[in-house]
PDB file of N, CA and C in Angstrom:
ATOM      1  N   MET A   1       0.844  -1.201   0.000  1.00  0.00           N
ATOM      2  CA  MET A   1       0.000   0.000   0.000  1.00  0.00           C
ATOM      3  C   MET A   1       0.879   1.250   0.000  1.00  0.00           C
ATOM      4  N   TYR A   2       0.495   2.195  -0.815  1.00  0.00           N
ATOM      5  CA  TYR A   2       1.235   3.447  -0.844  1.00  0.00           C
ATOM      6  C   TYR A   2       0.675   4.396   0.206  1.00  0.00           C
ATOM      7  N   LYS A   3       1.555   5.251   0.690  1.00  0.00           N
ATOM      8  CA  LYS A   3       1.078   6.276   1.623  1.00  0.00           C
ATOM      9  C   LYS A   3       0.298   7.325   0.839  1.00  0.00           C
ATOM     10  N   LYS A   4      -0.812   7.736   1.394  1.00  0.00           N
ATOM     11  CA  LYS A   4      -1.624   8.743   0.705  1.00  0.00           C
ATOM     12  C   LYS A   4      -1.035  10.125   0.943  1.00  0.00           C
ATOM     13  N   SER A   5       0.161  10.318   0.423  1.00  0.00           N
ATOM     14  CA  SER A   5       0.820  11.609   0.572  1.00  0.00           C
ATOM     15  C   SER A   5       0.354  12.547  -0.528  1.00  0.00           C
ATOM     16  N   GLN A   6       0.795  13.786  -0.474  1.00  0.00           N
ATOM     17  CA  GLN A   6       0.404  14.765  -1.484  1.00  0.00           C
ATOM     18  C   GLN A   6       0.943  14.360  -2.843  1.00  0.00           C
ATOM     19  N   ARG A   7       2.189  13.866  -2.861  1.00  0.00           N
ATOM     20  CA  ARG A   7       2.796  13.469  -4.137  1.00  0.00           C
ATOM     21  C   ARG A   7       2.027  12.293  -4.746  1.00  0.00           C
ATOM     22  N   TYR A   8       1.678  11.320  -3.918  1.00  0.00           N
ATOM     23  CA  TYR A   8       0.933  10.162  -4.426  1.00  0.00           C
ATOM     24  C   TYR A   8      -0.430  10.586  -4.950  1.00  0.00           C
ATOM     25  N   LYS A   9      -1.069  11.519  -4.229  1.00  0.00           N
ATOM     26  CA  LYS A   9      -2.385  11.987  -4.658  1.00  0.00           C
ATOM     27  C   LYS A   9      -2.289  12.678  -6.005  1.00  0.00           C
ATOM     28  N   GLN A  10      -1.249  13.473  -6.199  1.00  0.00           N
ATOM     29  CA  GLN A  10      -1.068  14.161  -7.478  1.00  0.00           C
ATOM     30  C   GLN A  10      -0.818  13.148  -8.593  1.00  0.00           C
ATOM     31  N   CYS A  11       0.014  12.140  -8.331  1.00  0.00           N
ATOM     32  CA  CYS A  11       0.301  11.127  -9.345  1.00  0.00           C
ATOM     33  C   CYS A  11      -0.968  10.363  -9.691  1.00  0.00           C
ATOM     34  N   TRP A  12      -1.785  10.056  -8.681  1.00  0.00           N
ATOM     35  CA  TRP A  12      -3.016   9.322  -8.920  1.00  0.00           C
ATOM     36  C   TRP A  12      -3.966  10.142  -9.787  1.00  0.00           C
ATOM     37  N   LEU A  13      -4.080  11.445  -9.484  1.00  0.00           N
ATOM     38  CA  LEU A  13      -4.953  12.303 -10.282  1.00  0.00           C
ATOM     39  C   LEU A  13      -4.441  12.404 -11.705  1.00  0.00           C
ATOM     40  N   PHE A  14      -3.121  12.482 -11.862  1.00  0.00           N
ATOM     41  CA  PHE A  14      -2.537  12.581 -13.197  1.00  0.00           C
ATOM     42  C   PHE A  14      -2.795  11.305 -13.985  1.00  0.00           C
ATOM     43  N   GLU A  15      -2.620  10.150 -13.343  1.00  0.00           N
ATOM     44  CA  GLU A  15      -2.867   8.875 -14.017  1.00  0.00           C
ATOM     45  C   GLU A  15      -4.340   8.746 -14.382  1.00  0.00           C
ATOM     46  N   LYS A  16      -5.214   9.186 -13.487  1.00  0.00           N
ATOM     47  CA  LYS A  16      -6.647   9.113 -13.769  1.00  0.00           C
ATOM     48  C   LYS A  16      -6.992  10.017 -14.949  1.00  0.00           C
ATOM     49  N   PHE A  17      -6.371  11.203 -14.999  1.00  0.00           N
ATOM     50  CA  PHE A  17      -6.624  12.127 -16.106  1.00  0.00           C
ATOM     51  C   PHE A  17      -6.151  11.531 -17.425  1.00  0.00           C
ATOM     52  N   MET A  18      -4.963  10.926 -17.422  1.00  0.00           N
ATOM     53  CA  MET A  18      -4.434  10.314 -18.640  1.00  0.00           C
ATOM     54  C   MET A  18      -5.315   9.146 -19.068  1.00  0.00           C
ATOM     55  N   TYR A  19      -5.817   8.386 -18.089  1.00  0.00           N
ATOM     56  CA  TYR A  19      -6.682   7.247 -18.408  1.00  0.00           C
ATOM     57  C   TYR A  19      -7.981   7.728 -19.058  1.00  0.00           C
ATOM     58  N   CYS A  20      -8.564   8.783 -18.487  1.00  0.00           N
ATOM     59  CA  CYS A  20      -9.808   9.315 -19.060  1.00  0.00           C
ATOM     60  C   CYS A  20      -9.551   9.843 -20.464  1.00  0.00           C
ATOM     61  N   LYS A  21      -8.388  10.489 -20.657  1.00  0.00           N
ATOM     62  CA  LYS A  21      -8.060  11.002 -21.976  1.00  0.00           C
ATOM     63  C   LYS A  21      -7.900   9.854 -22.966  1.00  0.00           C
ATOM     64  N   TRP A  22      -7.299   8.774 -22.519  1.00  0.00           N
ATOM     65  CA  TRP A  22      -7.106   7.600 -23.385  1.00  0.00           C
ATOM     66  C   TRP A  22      -8.451   6.974 -23.738  1.00  0.00           C
ATOM     67  N   VAL A  23      -9.381   6.898 -22.771  1.00  0.00           N
ATOM     68  CA  VAL A  23     -10.701   6.321 -23.030  1.00  0.00           C
ATOM     69  C   VAL A  23     -11.444   7.167 -24.055  1.00  0.00           C
ATOM     70  N   VAL A  24     -11.381   8.477 -23.908  1.00  0.00           N
ATOM     71  CA  VAL A  24     -12.047   9.362 -24.869  1.00  0.00           C
ATOM     72  C   VAL A  24     -11.427   9.202 -26.242  1.00  0.00           C
ATOM     73  N   PHE A  25     -10.094   9.122 -26.295  1.00  0.00           N
ATOM     74  CA  PHE A  25      -9.409   8.960 -27.576  1.00  0.00           C
ATOM     75  C   PHE A  25      -9.760   7.624 -28.221  1.00  0.00           C
ATOM     76  N   ALA A  26      -9.842   6.574 -27.405  1.00  0.00           N
ATOM     77  CA  ALA A  26     -10.156   5.247 -27.928  1.00  0.00           C
ATOM     78  C   ALA A  26     -11.584   5.217 -28.484  1.00  0.00           C
ATOM     79  N   SER A  27     -12.522   5.802 -27.762  1.00  0.00           N
ATOM     80  CA  SER A  27     -13.906   5.811 -28.233  1.00  0.00           C
ATOM     81  C   SER A  27     -14.021   6.660 -29.497  1.00  0.00           C
ATOM     82  N   PHE A  28     -13.284   7.755 -29.550  1.00  0.00           N
ATOM     83  CA  PHE A  28     -13.299   8.607 -30.736  1.00  0.00           C
ATOM     84  C   PHE A  28     -12.733   7.854 -31.939  1.00  0.00           C
ATOM     85  N   SER A  29     -11.630   7.130 -31.718  1.00  0.00           N
ATOM     86  CA  SER A  29     -11.021   6.358 -32.802  1.00  0.00           C
ATOM     87  C   SER A  29     -11.969   5.251 -33.260  1.00  0.00           C
ATOM     88  N   ALA A  30     -12.690   4.657 -32.316  1.00  0.00           N
ATOM     89  CA  ALA A  30     -13.625   3.594 -32.673  1.00  0.00           C
ATOM     90  C   ALA A  30     -14.738   4.143 -33.561  1.00  0.00           C
ATOM     91  N   LYS A  31     -15.161   5.379 -33.285  1.00  0.00           N
ATOM     92  CA  LYS A  31     -16.197   5.985 -34.125  1.00  0.00           C
ATOM     93  C   LYS A  31     -15.642   6.326 -35.505  1.00  0.00           C
ATOM     94  N   MET A  32     -14.413   6.809 -35.538  1.00  0.00           N
ATOM     95  CA  MET A  32     -13.812   7.216 -36.811  1.00  0.00           C
ATOM     96  C   MET A  32     -13.418   6.006 -37.647  1.00  0.00           C
ATOM     97  N   PHE A  33     -12.844   4.993 -37.002  1.00  0.00           N
ATOM     98  CA  PHE A  33     -12.353   3.813 -37.728  1.00  0.00           C
ATOM     99  C   PHE A  33     -12.995   2.547 -37.194  1.00  0.00           C
ATOM    100  N   PRO A  34     -14.232   2.262 -37.572  1.00  0.00           N
ATOM    101  CA  PRO A  34     -14.884   1.029 -37.101  1.00  0.00           C
ATOM    102  C   PRO A  34     -14.286  -0.192 -37.784  1.00  0.00           C
ATOM    103  N   PHE A  35     -13.691  -1.076 -37.004  1.00  0.00           N
ATOM    104  CA  PHE A  35     -13.057  -2.262 -37.583  1.00  0.00           C
ATOM    105  C   PHE A  35     -14.065  -3.417 -37.624  1.00  0.00           C
TER     106      PHE A  35
END
């Protein structure tokens, strides 16, 4: 378990933001290029 420090919280928020951006990009690509 990681300590819920300020640095860890920032990294978690950053990873969550990148994940959401990736999900939006993936769904957008799926609409543009339906395989």
